[in-house]
Amino acid sequence: MKRKTLGKLLKWKEKKNRKPLLMTGVRQCGKTYIIKEFGKLEFEDTAYFNFDGNTGLKSVFDFDFNVNRIMDELANVVLGRKIVPGKTLVVFDEIQDCPRAIQSLKYFCENMPELHIVAAGSLLGVALRKEGISFPVGKVDRIEMFPMSFEEFVVADGGEKYIEGIKKLELEREIPELYTVPLEKYLKNYYIVGGMPEAVQTWVDTHDYKEVEKVQDRILKDYADDFGKHTTPDTATKVRLIWDSIPSQIARDNNKFIFSHVKQGARAKDLEDALEWIVNAGIVHKLKLVSVPELPLSGEADNTYFKVYMSDVGLLRRKSNVNYRTILQGDAAYIHFKGALTENYIMIQLKCMGIESYFWRTKADAEIDFITDYEGTLLPIEVKSADNTKAKSLHLFCNRYQPKMAIKTSLKNVGDNMDADTHVWSIPLYAVFRLKEYVAHEMGW
């Protein structure tokens, strides 16, 4: 399956001042697969080392950080063949299980920069925030990987001609029915299947929703098992409570994350560490409030007022017990959760595009689902799950803050209009992967 992360790995390989690479990302999003594929395509050999449960491998790093000694032992004792800088890709997988291997990356950066090293791990994000781990600040490059985007899903499922066809259309042109009908169907299937590679591969192989759900159930169970394996019993209990509350938190009208809704009487200070664990594991994403959209938005973000979304829309659908037939056929009783699912979808697509986002809300209940300052451009994004694009909050935002452009995304076709001094683009949900093109076009880049 084609992953855009491969392109990022190729850029890293060609960097003049390349450093060892740390790849983070939620468990089972395809990190190991894409690293091995990268090694197969770009190197003569791949030296793969997995630290999970391998005490002998970990002992190589116990004595000192002499990188020549470490490489000699890895090559001659562990691997049994030469490791040649420039020709061999060295992979440290599940590196979170060996803190000294993480620390050694500093010395590889300084003393063996010609060697290509990629380090990854399913809970590396958690490990890097543990006390006692010496992180090689400034000595590593980083890539965060996510489940497959909608664009990648469509390509994997045989729809690359539709993606490539849309990319050739002028941005202001309405998308012909030739594309809209199949892409709306792909979108429904993406809501059901999501972007976890194993679930996508199962869908591509079988086109059987029940088989996909077996994979999703296994992934959800694996996540829950991790809570007990990699945290204290007390923290694991709290993480499970938060994990189980997420569907109801997302589906609420005012979907601010409320700690007391996790457990009656619970306070933020009791559960904050558990929430941060599940965020650092990449399983959920925080979307913080920005009340005053001044640039940079990160400086205005409220760390105490946020929403929580899951890292995969298919897993959210399954965990929330939304039947796949409900997605395919629609139901009057499903309208409310459909909006929440659509917001989660947009959150994931923005993450996949590398766009950091927030949300805006007033005390009078006006709200913009997402705002970003991508490339220094204040951009509000209003999300609708159907083709109703009335957006009072967006109108209010545009009048008050006068951004140069704004986005409305729904099932409505491409269109544009002016709202005060703001150029408002309507982009279909299935074409939101072109967002950066619209921004570049608007700003004249």
Protein backbone atom coordinates (compact mmCIF):
# COMPACT_ATOMS: atom_id res chain seq x y z
CA MET A 1 0.00 0.00 0.00
CA LYS A 2 1.29 3.43 -0.92
CA ARG A 3 2.08 5.63 2.08
CA LYS A 4 3.12 9.28 1.94
CA THR A 5 5.49 8.60 4.82
CA LEU A 6 7.76 6.89 2.29
CA GLY A 7 8.30 10.26 0.61
CA LYS A 8 9.29 11.77 3.98
CA LEU A 9 11.79 8.97 4.51
CA LEU A 10 13.31 9.61 1.08
CA LYS A 11 13.73 13.32 1.91
CA TRP A 12 15.36 12.38 5.21
CA LYS A 13 17.80 10.07 3.42
CA GLU A 14 18.93 12.86 1.10
CA LYS A 15 19.32 15.55 3.79
CA LYS A 16 22.81 17.05 3.96
CA ASN A 17 22.81 17.31 7.75
CA ARG A 18 20.86 14.13 8.34
CA LYS A 19 20.59 12.84 11.92
CA PRO A 20 19.29 9.52 13.27
CA LEU A 21 15.53 9.41 12.74
CA LEU A 22 12.90 8.84 15.43
CA MET A 23 9.55 7.70 14.05
CA THR A 24 6.61 7.94 16.43
CA GLY A 25 2.98 7.01 15.89
CA VAL A 26 0.08 5.05 17.30
CA ARG A 27 0.47 1.29 17.53
CA GLN A 28 -0.25 -0.66 14.31
CA CYS A 29 -0.32 2.40 12.02
CA GLY A 30 2.30 0.82 9.72
CA LYS A 31 5.64 2.13 11.02
CA THR A 32 7.60 -1.14 10.80
CA TYR A 33 6.14 -2.02 7.40
CA ILE A 34 7.05 1.31 5.79
CA ILE A 35 10.56 1.36 7.33
CA LYS A 36 11.29 -2.12 5.97
CA GLU A 37 9.84 -1.14 2.58
CA PHE A 38 12.08 1.93 2.60
CA GLY A 39 15.09 -0.28 3.36
CA LYS A 40 14.19 -2.68 0.57
CA LEU A 41 13.79 0.10 -2.01
CA GLU A 42 16.67 2.40 -1.07
CA PHE A 43 19.45 0.30 0.49
CA GLU A 44 21.46 -2.80 -0.34
CA ASP A 45 20.69 -4.26 3.07
CA THR A 46 18.52 -3.61 6.15
CA ALA A 47 19.88 -4.44 9.60
CA TYR A 48 16.72 -4.88 11.66
CA PHE A 49 16.88 -5.03 15.47
CA ASN A 50 13.80 -5.41 17.68
CA PHE A 51 14.25 -4.63 21.39
CA ASP A 52 10.92 -6.09 22.51
CA GLY A 53 11.79 -8.72 25.11
CA ASN A 54 15.34 -9.06 23.74
CA THR A 55 17.62 -8.72 26.79
CA GLY A 56 20.70 -9.83 24.85
CA LEU A 57 20.25 -7.04 22.33
CA LYS A 58 19.70 -4.48 25.10
CA SER A 59 22.95 -5.56 26.80
CA VAL A 60 24.95 -4.31 23.81
CA PHE A 61 24.19 -0.77 24.98
CA ASP A 62 24.89 -1.32 28.69
CA PHE A 63 28.68 -0.86 28.80
CA ASP A 64 29.29 2.48 27.08
CA PHE A 65 28.27 4.61 24.09
CA ASN A 66 31.25 3.85 21.85
CA VAL A 67 29.39 3.60 18.54
CA ASN A 68 32.19 1.64 16.83
CA ARG A 69 31.99 -1.05 19.52
CA ILE A 70 28.18 -1.08 19.41
CA MET A 71 28.13 -1.47 15.62
CA ASP A 72 30.80 -4.17 15.74
CA GLU A 73 28.80 -6.25 18.26
CA LEU A 74 25.51 -5.68 16.43
CA ALA A 75 27.02 -6.69 13.09
CA ASN A 76 29.25 -9.63 14.10
CA VAL A 77 27.40 -11.12 17.08
CA VAL A 78 23.73 -10.22 16.72
CA LEU A 79 23.27 -9.90 12.95
CA GLY A 80 26.05 -12.07 11.59
CA ARG A 81 26.92 -9.85 8.64
CA LYS A 82 28.54 -6.49 7.94
CA ILE A 83 26.83 -3.16 8.46
CA VAL A 84 28.13 -0.74 5.83
CA PRO A 85 27.41 2.99 6.29
CA GLY A 86 25.70 4.38 3.20
CA LYS A 87 24.61 0.92 2.03
CA THR A 88 22.88 -0.51 5.13
CA LEU A 89 19.76 0.87 6.79
CA VAL A 90 19.94 0.24 10.54
CA VAL A 91 16.53 -0.13 12.21
CA PHE A 92 15.99 -0.03 15.97
CA ASP A 93 12.39 -1.16 16.48
CA GLU A 94 10.48 -0.99 19.78
CA ILE A 95 13.32 1.22 20.98
CA GLN A 96 11.22 2.43 23.91
CA ASP A 97 12.16 -0.88 25.60
CA CYS A 98 15.83 0.16 25.67
CA PRO A 99 16.33 3.69 27.06
CA ARG A 100 20.10 3.48 26.58
CA ALA A 101 19.57 2.81 22.86
CA ILE A 102 17.55 6.03 22.71
CA GLN A 103 20.39 7.82 24.48
CA SER A 104 22.95 6.30 22.07
CA LEU A 105 21.40 8.15 19.13
CA LYS A 106 23.20 11.29 20.33
CA TYR A 107 26.56 9.55 19.89
CA PHE A 108 25.65 8.08 16.52
CA CYS A 109 24.73 11.61 15.40
CA GLU A 110 28.06 13.01 16.57
CA ASN A 111 30.46 10.17 15.79
CA MET A 112 28.91 8.17 12.92
CA PRO A 113 26.74 10.64 10.94
CA GLU A 114 27.21 8.68 7.69
CA LEU A 115 25.15 5.76 9.09
CA HIS A 116 21.42 5.74 8.31
CA ILE A 117 19.55 4.86 11.53
CA VAL A 118 15.76 4.78 11.96
CA ALA A 119 14.36 4.17 15.44
CA ALA A 120 10.69 3.45 16.02
CA GLY A 121 8.33 2.08 18.63
CA SER A 122 4.63 1.62 19.26
CA LEU A 123 4.75 3.47 22.59
CA LEU A 124 7.79 5.62 21.90
CA GLY A 125 5.74 8.77 22.51
CA VAL A 126 5.03 7.56 26.05
CA ALA A 127 8.61 6.50 26.69
CA LEU A 128 10.08 9.83 25.61
CA ARG A 129 8.12 11.57 28.37
CA LYS A 130 9.19 9.25 31.16
CA GLU A 131 11.45 10.58 33.87
CA GLY A 132 14.91 9.10 33.78
CA ILE A 133 15.19 8.77 29.99
CA SER A 134 17.92 11.00 28.61
CA PHE A 135 16.51 12.28 25.32
CA PRO A 136 19.06 13.24 22.63
CA VAL A 137 17.81 16.81 22.21
CA GLY A 138 18.88 18.34 18.91
CA LYS A 139 20.57 15.11 17.82
CA VAL A 140 17.68 13.38 16.02
CA ASP A 141 15.28 14.07 13.18
CA ARG A 142 11.63 13.16 13.77
CA ILE A 143 8.65 11.92 11.77
CA GLU A 144 5.21 11.24 13.24
CA MET A 145 3.16 8.64 11.41
CA PHE A 146 -0.62 8.31 11.45
CA PRO A 147 -3.17 5.77 10.22
CA MET A 148 -3.89 5.98 6.49
CA SER A 149 -5.51 9.18 5.25
CA PHE A 150 -8.65 9.11 3.12
CA GLU A 151 -6.51 9.73 0.05
CA GLU A 152 -4.27 6.75 0.85
CA PHE A 153 -7.33 4.60 1.58
CA VAL A 154 -8.91 5.34 -1.79
CA VAL A 155 -5.66 4.55 -3.62
CA ALA A 156 -5.29 1.27 -1.70
CA ASP A 157 -8.87 0.32 -2.58
CA GLY A 158 -8.31 0.75 -6.31
CA GLY A 159 -9.55 4.32 -6.67
CA GLU A 160 -6.29 6.07 -7.56
CA LYS A 161 -7.79 7.23 -10.89
CA TYR A 162 -10.36 9.28 -8.96
CA ILE A 163 -7.75 10.90 -6.73
CA GLU A 164 -5.48 11.70 -9.68
CA GLY A 165 -8.46 12.89 -11.72
CA ILE A 166 -9.57 15.36 -9.06
CA LYS A 167 -6.04 16.69 -8.71
CA LYS A 168 -6.12 17.68 -12.39
CA LEU A 169 -9.31 19.74 -12.00
CA GLU A 170 -9.10 23.49 -11.58
CA LEU A 171 -9.70 24.36 -7.93
CA GLU A 172 -12.76 26.46 -8.68
CA ARG A 173 -14.40 23.86 -10.95
CA GLU A 174 -17.36 21.84 -9.71
CA ILE A 175 -16.38 18.18 -9.40
CA PRO A 176 -18.22 16.13 -12.06
CA GLU A 177 -20.51 13.26 -11.09
CA LEU A 178 -17.91 10.93 -12.59
CA TYR A 179 -15.97 11.55 -9.36
CA THR A 180 -18.55 12.59 -6.77
CA VAL A 181 -20.59 9.37 -6.78
CA PRO A 182 -17.69 6.92 -6.26
CA LEU A 183 -15.86 9.22 -3.83
CA GLU A 184 -18.93 9.61 -1.62
CA LYS A 185 -19.08 5.82 -1.47
CA TYR A 186 -15.37 5.64 -0.65
CA LEU A 187 -15.96 8.19 2.12
CA LYS A 188 -18.65 6.03 3.73
CA ASN A 189 -16.36 3.03 3.54
CA TYR A 190 -13.54 5.03 5.11
CA TYR A 191 -15.83 5.95 8.00
CA ILE A 192 -16.50 2.22 8.45
CA VAL A 193 -13.02 0.79 7.83
CA GLY A 194 -10.79 3.67 8.89
CA GLY A 195 -7.10 3.87 8.13
CA MET A 196 -5.42 1.18 10.22
CA PRO A 197 -3.35 -0.69 7.60
CA GLU A 198 -4.42 -4.20 8.66
CA ALA A 199 -8.09 -3.19 8.55
CA VAL A 200 -7.59 -1.54 5.15
CA GLN A 201 -5.74 -4.58 3.76
CA THR A 202 -8.52 -6.85 5.01
CA TRP A 203 -11.09 -4.61 3.31
CA VAL A 204 -9.12 -4.55 0.04
CA ASP A 205 -8.76 -8.35 0.12
CA THR A 206 -12.33 -9.26 1.12
CA HIS A 207 -14.66 -6.24 0.90
CA ASP A 208 -16.34 -7.86 3.89
CA TYR A 209 -17.33 -5.47 6.69
CA LYS A 210 -17.55 -8.30 9.22
CA GLU A 211 -13.97 -9.36 8.52
CA VAL A 212 -12.84 -5.76 8.94
CA GLU A 213 -14.62 -5.56 12.29
CA LYS A 214 -12.74 -8.64 13.52
CA VAL A 215 -9.49 -6.78 12.86
CA GLN A 216 -10.80 -3.61 14.51
CA ASP A 217 -11.91 -5.53 17.59
CA ARG A 218 -8.45 -7.08 17.87
CA ILE A 219 -6.73 -3.68 17.59
CA LEU A 220 -9.05 -2.18 20.22
CA LYS A 221 -8.26 -5.11 22.52
CA ASP A 222 -4.53 -4.69 21.91
CA TYR A 223 -4.79 -1.02 22.89
CA ALA A 224 -6.63 -1.93 26.08
CA ASP A 225 -4.03 -4.62 26.88
CA ASP A 226 -1.26 -2.01 26.53
CA PHE A 227 -2.80 0.03 29.34
CA GLY A 228 -2.01 -2.74 31.81
CA LYS A 229 1.37 -3.71 30.38
CA HIS A 230 2.94 -0.26 30.20
CA THR A 231 1.44 1.66 33.15
CA THR A 232 0.95 1.17 36.86
CA PRO A 233 -2.28 -0.62 37.89
CA ASP A 234 -3.75 2.64 39.21
CA THR A 235 -2.96 4.55 36.01
CA ALA A 236 -4.21 1.67 33.85
CA THR A 237 -7.59 1.79 35.58
CA LYS A 238 -7.85 5.53 34.93
CA VAL A 239 -6.75 5.16 31.31
CA ARG A 240 -9.44 2.53 30.72
CA LEU A 241 -12.09 4.84 32.19
CA ILE A 242 -11.02 7.66 29.87
CA TRP A 243 -10.79 5.27 26.89
CA ASP A 244 -14.33 4.00 27.47
CA SER A 245 -15.73 7.53 27.87
CA ILE A 246 -14.39 8.86 24.56
CA PRO A 247 -17.36 7.98 22.30
CA SER A 248 -19.82 9.71 24.63
CA GLN A 249 -17.48 12.69 25.08
CA ILE A 250 -17.21 13.13 21.31
CA ALA A 251 -20.97 12.76 20.77
CA ARG A 252 -22.04 15.40 23.30
CA ASP A 253 -23.51 18.70 22.02
CA ASN A 254 -20.82 20.74 23.71
CA ASN A 255 -18.08 18.19 23.20
CA LYS A 256 -15.57 19.74 25.53
CA PHE A 257 -13.78 16.97 27.41
CA ILE A 258 -15.27 16.79 30.91
CA PHE A 259 -13.33 14.79 33.48
CA SER A 260 -16.37 14.33 35.71
CA HIS A 261 -18.06 12.51 32.82
CA VAL A 262 -15.29 9.92 32.91
CA LYS A 263 -16.15 9.01 36.47
CA GLN A 264 -18.70 10.65 38.73
CA GLY A 265 -16.98 13.03 41.10
CA ALA A 266 -13.61 12.73 39.35
CA ARG A 267 -11.52 15.87 39.09
CA ALA A 268 -9.01 16.91 36.48
CA LYS A 269 -6.03 16.46 38.78
CA ASP A 270 -7.06 12.82 39.36
CA LEU A 271 -7.16 11.90 35.68
CA GLU A 272 -4.79 14.29 33.87
CA ASP A 273 -1.81 11.92 33.93
CA ALA A 274 -3.92 9.09 32.51
CA LEU A 275 -5.23 11.32 29.73
CA GLU A 276 -1.71 12.46 28.86
CA TRP A 277 -0.62 8.80 28.67
CA ILE A 278 -3.28 7.96 26.10
CA VAL A 279 -2.47 11.15 24.13
CA ASN A 280 1.28 10.42 24.16
CA ALA A 281 0.53 6.89 22.97
CA GLY A 282 -1.05 8.49 19.89
CA ILE A 283 -4.40 6.78 20.51
CA VAL A 284 -6.27 10.06 20.87
CA HIS A 285 -5.63 13.68 19.88
CA LYS A 286 -6.40 16.82 21.84
CA LEU A 287 -8.01 19.80 20.09
CA LYS A 288 -7.47 22.90 22.23
CA LEU A 289 -9.64 26.00 22.46
CA VAL A 290 -8.41 29.33 21.10
CA SER A 291 -10.75 32.13 22.21
CA VAL A 292 -8.79 34.95 20.57
CA PRO A 293 -7.46 33.84 17.17
CA GLU A 294 -4.24 35.84 17.14
CA LEU A 295 -1.11 34.49 15.47
CA PRO A 296 0.56 32.27 16.43
CA LEU A 297 -2.44 30.29 17.60
CA SER A 298 -0.26 28.11 19.83
CA GLY A 299 0.32 31.15 22.04
CA GLU A 300 -3.44 31.55 22.58
CA ALA A 301 -4.31 27.86 23.13
CA ASP A 302 -6.14 27.03 26.36
CA ASN A 303 -4.56 23.87 27.79
CA THR A 304 -7.49 23.38 30.19
CA TYR A 305 -10.32 23.54 27.62
CA PHE A 306 -10.17 20.96 24.86
CA LYS A 307 -11.92 18.25 22.89
CA VAL A 308 -10.60 14.73 22.41
CA TYR A 309 -10.76 12.79 19.14
CA MET A 310 -9.64 9.26 18.32
CA SER A 311 -6.69 8.63 16.02
CA ASP A 312 -8.77 6.51 13.64
CA VAL A 313 -12.32 7.10 12.48
CA GLY A 314 -12.98 3.41 11.83
CA LEU A 315 -11.96 2.47 15.37
CA LEU A 316 -14.19 5.26 16.73
CA ARG A 317 -17.10 3.92 14.70
CA ARG A 318 -16.51 0.38 15.96
CA LYS A 319 -15.88 1.37 19.57
CA SER A 320 -19.08 3.44 19.50
CA ASN A 321 -21.07 0.42 18.25
CA VAL A 322 -22.31 2.23 15.14
CA ASN A 323 -23.41 -0.50 12.74
CA TYR A 324 -21.83 -0.30 9.30
CA ARG A 325 -25.31 -0.45 7.75
CA THR A 326 -26.17 2.79 9.57
CA ILE A 327 -23.24 4.50 7.82
CA LEU A 328 -24.19 3.10 4.42
CA GLN A 329 -27.93 3.74 4.58
CA GLY A 330 -28.22 6.70 6.93
CA ASP A 331 -30.77 7.00 9.70
CA ALA A 332 -32.59 9.96 11.24
CA ALA A 333 -31.40 8.86 14.68
CA TYR A 334 -27.79 8.85 13.46
CA ILE A 335 -27.60 12.51 12.41
CA HIS A 336 -26.05 13.76 15.65
CA PHE A 337 -23.24 11.20 15.88
CA LYS A 338 -22.64 11.54 12.15
CA GLY A 339 -21.55 15.12 12.84
CA ALA A 340 -19.12 13.96 15.51
CA LEU A 341 -17.73 11.25 13.24
CA THR A 342 -17.24 13.80 10.46
CA GLU A 343 -15.36 16.16 12.78
CA ASN A 344 -13.12 13.27 13.83
CA TYR A 345 -12.52 12.52 10.14
CA ILE A 346 -11.40 16.10 9.46
CA MET A 347 -9.15 16.10 12.52
CA ILE A 348 -7.37 13.00 11.20
CA GLN A 349 -6.96 14.43 7.69
CA LEU A 350 -5.43 17.63 9.09
CA LYS A 351 -3.03 15.54 11.18
CA CYS A 352 -2.05 13.51 8.12
CA MET A 353 -1.34 16.75 6.24
CA GLY A 354 0.85 17.98 9.09
CA ILE A 355 -1.51 20.84 9.92
CA GLU A 356 -1.81 21.75 13.60
CA SER A 357 -5.34 22.85 14.46
CA TYR A 358 -7.48 24.26 17.27
CA PHE A 359 -11.13 25.27 17.67
CA TRP A 360 -12.82 28.57 18.43
CA ARG A 361 -15.87 29.12 20.59
CA THR A 362 -17.63 32.11 22.12
CA LYS A 363 -19.68 32.23 25.31
CA ALA A 364 -22.74 32.82 23.10
CA ASP A 365 -22.29 29.37 21.55
CA ALA A 366 -20.83 30.41 18.21
CA GLU A 367 -18.20 27.85 17.26
CA ILE A 368 -15.72 27.11 14.47
CA ASP A 369 -14.85 23.42 14.37
CA PHE A 370 -11.22 23.94 13.37
CA ILE A 371 -8.90 26.90 12.96
CA THR A 372 -5.28 26.75 11.90
CA ASP A 373 -2.45 29.15 11.13
CA TYR A 374 -0.95 26.94 8.44
CA GLU A 375 1.95 28.80 6.78
CA GLY A 376 1.07 31.89 8.82
CA THR A 377 -2.45 32.08 7.36
CA LEU A 378 -5.41 32.27 9.75
CA LEU A 379 -7.83 29.72 8.34
CA PRO A 380 -11.22 28.83 9.89
CA ILE A 381 -12.73 25.49 8.78
CA GLU A 382 -16.45 24.82 9.27
CA VAL A 383 -17.47 21.12 9.06
CA LYS A 384 -20.90 19.79 8.06
CA SER A 385 -21.74 16.12 7.71
CA ALA A 386 -24.28 16.50 4.87
CA ASP A 387 -24.83 19.14 2.16
CA ASN A 388 -26.28 21.81 4.45
CA THR A 389 -23.68 24.57 4.47
CA LYS A 390 -25.43 27.29 6.44
CA ALA A 391 -22.72 28.52 8.76
CA LYS A 392 -23.74 31.37 11.07
CA SER A 393 -20.67 30.92 13.24
CA LEU A 394 -18.36 31.17 10.23
CA HIS A 395 -20.11 34.37 9.13
CA LEU A 396 -19.65 35.83 12.62
CA PHE A 397 -15.98 34.79 12.69
CA CYS A 398 -15.29 36.30 9.26
CA ASN A 399 -16.95 39.59 10.19
CA ARG A 400 -15.11 39.81 13.48
CA TYR A 401 -11.60 38.73 12.46
CA GLN A 402 -11.59 39.17 8.67
CA PRO A 403 -9.36 36.25 7.64
CA LYS A 404 -8.34 36.30 3.98
CA MET A 405 -9.95 32.92 3.37
CA ALA A 406 -12.18 30.34 5.05
CA ILE A 407 -13.24 26.78 4.31
CA LYS A 408 -16.65 25.11 4.50
CA THR A 409 -16.42 21.37 4.05
CA SER A 410 -19.49 19.18 3.56
CA LEU A 411 -20.99 16.96 0.88
CA LYS A 412 -21.76 20.05 -1.16
CA ASN A 413 -19.74 20.48 -4.36
CA VAL A 414 -16.95 22.97 -4.89
CA GLY A 415 -17.99 26.61 -4.81
CA ASP A 416 -16.86 29.96 -3.48
CA ASN A 417 -18.24 33.30 -2.34
CA MET A 418 -17.25 36.39 -0.39
CA ASP A 419 -18.24 36.92 3.25
CA ALA A 420 -17.26 40.50 4.07
CA ASP A 421 -13.57 40.56 3.08
CA THR A 422 -13.15 36.79 3.35
CA HIS A 423 -13.02 34.45 0.37
CA VAL A 424 -15.01 31.39 1.47
CA TRP A 425 -14.39 28.12 -0.34
CA SER A 426 -16.75 25.17 -0.24
CA ILE A 427 -14.78 21.93 -0.50
CA PRO A 428 -16.35 18.45 -0.44
CA LEU A 429 -15.34 16.24 2.47
CA TYR A 430 -13.81 13.75 0.04
CA ALA A 431 -11.61 16.46 -1.53
CA VAL A 432 -10.26 18.03 1.66
CA PHE A 433 -6.86 16.47 0.89
CA ARG A 434 -6.45 19.41 -1.55
CA LEU A 435 -6.65 21.94 1.28
CA LYS A 436 -3.03 23.04 0.97
CA GLU A 437 -3.58 23.67 -2.76
CA TYR A 438 -6.49 26.00 -1.98
CA VAL A 439 -4.41 27.93 0.54
CA ALA A 440 -1.50 28.25 -1.88
CA HIS A 441 -3.86 29.37 -4.63
CA GLU A 442 -5.55 31.97 -2.42
CA MET A 443 -2.27 33.38 -1.11
CA GLY A 444 -0.66 33.46 -4.53
CA TRP A 445 2.26 31.19 -3.63
